[in-house]
C-alpha atoms as a PDB file:
ATOM      1  CA  MET A   1     110.541  73.162  90.003  1.00  0.00           C
ATOM      2  CA  ALA A   2     113.748  74.673  88.644  1.00  0.00           C
ATOM      3  CA  LEU A   3     113.843  77.075  85.731  1.00  0.00           C
ATOM      4  CA  VAL A   4     115.287  75.991  82.426  1.00  0.00           C
ATOM      5  CA  CYS A   5     118.703  77.641  82.141  1.00  0.00           C
ATOM      6  CA  LYS A   6     118.351  78.292  78.423  1.00  0.00           C
ATOM      7  CA  GLY A   7     116.756  81.690  77.946  1.00  0.00           C
ATOM      8  CA  SER A   8     116.956  82.686  81.608  1.00  0.00           C
ATOM      9  CA  ARG A   9     118.513  85.977  82.633  1.00  0.00           C
ATOM     10  CA  ARG A  10     120.513  86.834  85.709  1.00  0.00           C
ATOM     11  CA  ILE A  11     119.495  89.742  87.921  1.00  0.00           C
ATOM     12  CA  VAL A  12     120.889  90.950  91.237  1.00  0.00           C
ATOM     13  CA  VAL A  13     118.339  92.404  93.647  1.00  0.00           C
ATOM     14  CA  ASP A  14     119.611  93.950  96.866  1.00  0.00           C
ATOM     15  CA  GLY A  15     122.832  91.930  96.685  1.00  0.00           C
ATOM     16  CA  THR A  16     121.219  88.550  95.950  1.00  0.00           C
ATOM     17  CA  ALA A  17     121.462  86.883  92.536  1.00  0.00           C
ATOM     18  CA  TYR A  18     118.352  85.472  90.877  1.00  0.00           C
ATOM     19  CA  ARG A  19     117.504  84.015  87.482  1.00  0.00           C
ATOM     20  CA  TRP A  20     114.305  84.932  85.700  1.00  0.00           C
ATOM     21  CA  ARG A  21     112.618  83.771  82.546  1.00  0.00           C
ATOM     22  CA  LEU A  22     109.710  84.781  80.362  1.00  0.00           C
ATOM     23  CA  ARG A  23     108.189  82.122  78.123  1.00  0.00           C
ATOM     24  CA  GLY A  24     109.395  82.773  74.601  1.00  0.00           C
ATOM     25  CA  ARG A  25     106.226  81.392  73.095  1.00  0.00           C
ATOM     26  CA  PRO A  26     102.923  82.328  74.670  1.00  0.00           C
ATOM     27  CA  THR A  27     100.453  79.752  75.910  1.00  0.00           C
ATOM     28  CA  TYR A  28      97.270  79.420  73.849  1.00  0.00           C
ATOM     29  CA  PHE A  29      95.363  81.818  76.118  1.00  0.00           C
ATOM     30  CA  GLN A  30      98.272  84.283  76.213  1.00  0.00           C
ATOM     31  CA  GLY A  31      98.591  84.089  72.426  1.00  0.00           C
ATOM     32  CA  LEU A  32      94.985  85.186  72.053  1.00  0.00           C
ATOM     33  CA  ALA A  33      95.500  87.810  74.806  1.00  0.00           C
ATOM     34  CA  TRP A  34      92.841  86.154  76.931  1.00  0.00           C
ATOM     35  CA  SER A  35      95.239  85.844  79.872  1.00  0.00           C
ATOM     36  CA  PRO A  36      98.161  88.046  80.952  1.00  0.00           C
ATOM     37  CA  CYS A  37     101.871  87.461  80.589  1.00  0.00           C
ATOM     38  CA  THR A  38     103.701  85.593  83.356  1.00  0.00           C
ATOM     39  CA  PHE A  39     107.363  85.182  84.239  1.00  0.00           C
ATOM     40  CA  ALA A  40     109.258  83.041  86.733  1.00  0.00           C
ATOM     41  CA  VAL A  41     112.101  83.875  89.124  1.00  0.00           C
ATOM     42  CA  GLU A  42     114.328  81.659  91.267  1.00  0.00           C
ATOM     43  CA  HIS A  43     117.395  82.031  93.469  1.00  0.00           C
ATOM     44  CA  ALA A  44     120.485  81.718  91.247  1.00  0.00           C
ATOM     45  CA  ASP A  45     122.687  79.679  93.584  1.00  0.00           C
ATOM     46  CA  THR A  46     120.243  77.555  95.595  1.00  0.00           C
ATOM     47  CA  PRO A  47     116.993  77.220  93.646  1.00  0.00           C
ATOM     48  CA  GLY A  48     114.109  76.352  95.915  1.00  0.00           C
ATOM     49  CA  THR A  49     110.663  77.872  95.667  1.00  0.00           C
ATOM     50  CA  THR A  50     109.986  79.436  92.276  1.00  0.00           C
ATOM     51  CA  LEU A  51     108.253  82.797  92.133  1.00  0.00           C
ATOM     52  CA  VAL A  52     105.586  82.980  89.402  1.00  0.00           C
ATOM     53  CA  VAL A  53     104.524  86.545  88.595  1.00  0.00           C
ATOM     54  CA  THR A  54     101.345  87.317  86.664  1.00  0.00           C
ATOM     55  CA  THR A  55     101.631  90.762  85.082  1.00  0.00           C
ATOM     56  CA  ASP A  56      98.999  93.239  83.917  1.00  0.00           C
ATOM     57  CA  GLN A  57     100.188  93.057  80.290  1.00  0.00           C
ATOM     58  CA  PRO A  58      99.499  90.735  77.371  1.00  0.00           C
ATOM     59  CA  HIS A  59     102.380  88.497  76.290  1.00  0.00           C
ATOM     60  CA  PRO A  60     104.737  90.461  73.988  1.00  0.00           C
ATOM     61  CA  SER A  61     104.461  87.686  71.364  1.00  0.00           C
ATOM     62  CA  ASN A  62     100.663  87.473  71.339  1.00  0.00           C
ATOM     63  CA  TRP A  63      99.192  86.381  68.018  1.00  0.00           C
ATOM     64  CA  ILE A  64      96.636  89.118  67.536  1.00  0.00           C
ATOM     65  CA  GLY A  65      99.069  92.025  67.548  1.00  0.00           C
ATOM     66  CA  ARG A  66      97.865  93.499  70.805  1.00  0.00           C
ATOM     67  CA  GLU A  67     100.321  96.099  72.045  1.00  0.00           C
ATOM     68  CA  ALA A  68     102.351  94.953  75.043  1.00  0.00           C
ATOM     69  CA  GLU A  69     105.107  96.446  77.159  1.00  0.00           C
ATOM     70  CA  PRO A  70     108.246  94.328  77.494  1.00  0.00           C
ATOM     71  CA  VAL A  71     109.077  92.808  80.866  1.00  0.00           C
ATOM     72  CA  LEU A  72     111.951  94.955  82.095  1.00  0.00           C
ATOM     73  CA  PRO A  73     114.554  94.017  84.711  1.00  0.00           C
ATOM     74  CA  SER A  74     113.241  96.870  86.884  1.00  0.00           C
ATOM     75  CA  ALA A  75     109.799  95.206  86.948  1.00  0.00           C
ATOM     76  CA  VAL A  76     111.385  91.863  87.827  1.00  0.00           C
ATOM     77  CA  ALA A  77     113.344  93.470  90.676  1.00  0.00           C
ATOM     78  CA  ALA A  78     110.189  95.182  91.980  1.00  0.00           C
ATOM     79  CA  ALA A  79     108.301  91.868  91.882  1.00  0.00           C
ATOM     80  CA  VAL A  80     111.111  90.104  93.762  1.00  0.00           C
ATOM     81  CA  ARG A  81     111.127  92.777  96.481  1.00  0.00           C
ATOM     82  CA  LEU A  82     107.326  92.607  96.834  1.00  0.00           C
ATOM     83  CA  ALA A  83     107.320  88.808  96.962  1.00  0.00           C
ATOM     84  CA  LEU A  84     110.037  88.811  99.633  1.00  0.00           C
ATOM     85  CA  ARG A  85     107.952  91.225 101.715  1.00  0.00           C
ATOM     86  CA  GLU A  86     104.946  88.933 101.283  1.00  0.00           C
ATOM     87  CA  GLY A  87     106.815  85.867 102.508  1.00  0.00           C
ATOM     88  CA  TRP A  88     108.539  84.265  99.523  1.00  0.00           C
ATOM     89  CA  THR A  89     111.564  82.257 100.657  1.00  0.00           C
ATOM     90  CA  PRO A  90     113.484  81.583  97.426  1.00  0.00           C
ATOM     91  CA  ALA A  91     116.116  79.212  98.841  1.00  0.00           C
ATOM     92  CA  ALA A  92     113.632  77.022 100.735  1.00  0.00           C
ATOM     93  CA  PRO A  93     112.090  74.012  98.994  1.00  0.00           C
ATOM     94  CA  GLY A  94     108.389  74.124  98.275  1.00  0.00           C
ATOM     95  CA  SER A  95     105.699  74.692  95.708  1.00  0.00           C
ATOM     96  CA  ALA A  96     105.592  77.822  93.581  1.00  0.00           C
ATOM     97  CA  PHE A  97     104.884  81.188  95.193  1.00  0.00           C
ATOM     98  CA  HIS A  98     102.370  83.145  93.102  1.00  0.00           C
ATOM     99  CA  LEU A  99     102.370  86.917  92.876  1.00  0.00           C
ATOM    100  CA  ASP A 100      99.385  88.181  90.903  1.00  0.00           C
ATOM    101  CA  GLU A 101      99.407  91.720  89.552  1.00  0.00           C
ATOM    102  CA  PRO A 102      96.828  91.518  86.733  1.00  0.00           C
ATOM    103  CA  PHE A 103      95.026  94.693  87.812  1.00  0.00           C
ATOM    104  CA  GLY A 104      94.233  96.595  84.668  1.00  0.00           C
ATOM    105  CA  PHE A 105      94.551  93.623  82.298  1.00  0.00           C
ATOM    106  CA  THR A 106      91.645  93.485  79.888  1.00  0.00           C
ATOM    107  CA  PRO A 107      91.247  90.218  77.963  1.00  0.00           C
ATOM    108  CA  SER A 108      90.712  90.449  74.218  1.00  0.00           C
ATOM    109  CA  HIS A 109      87.324  89.484  72.881  1.00  0.00           C
END
C-alpha cells in the first residue's frame, strides 16, 4: 500500500530517497495513549513494501496531554537502517514490513 503524498516528508538515508509519514490525527487507542505512535516509510521512487514502525512513545497529538517526543528524521533514518538490516526490501512488492520498538512504552490507565 502506497503512502498518501499529502503530509509525507522526504528523507535520504545512505544515498537512497524515502518518504515517511506520521498520522496527523491519532487513532482512538493512540489518542488515549493506550498504544504507541507509529509511522510509515516507503521508497520514494519505486514504492513497494511499506515499512511500519511502532515507536516507544505516545502519539504527539494524544488527547490526554501525555508528554511525547516528536518523531525526528534521525529516528526515521535509524529505523530505515535497522529494517534494511533485518530484511526489508523497500522496492519489492509485498505486504507491510513491521518494525516494533515499543520497549519502554507504558500505556495510560
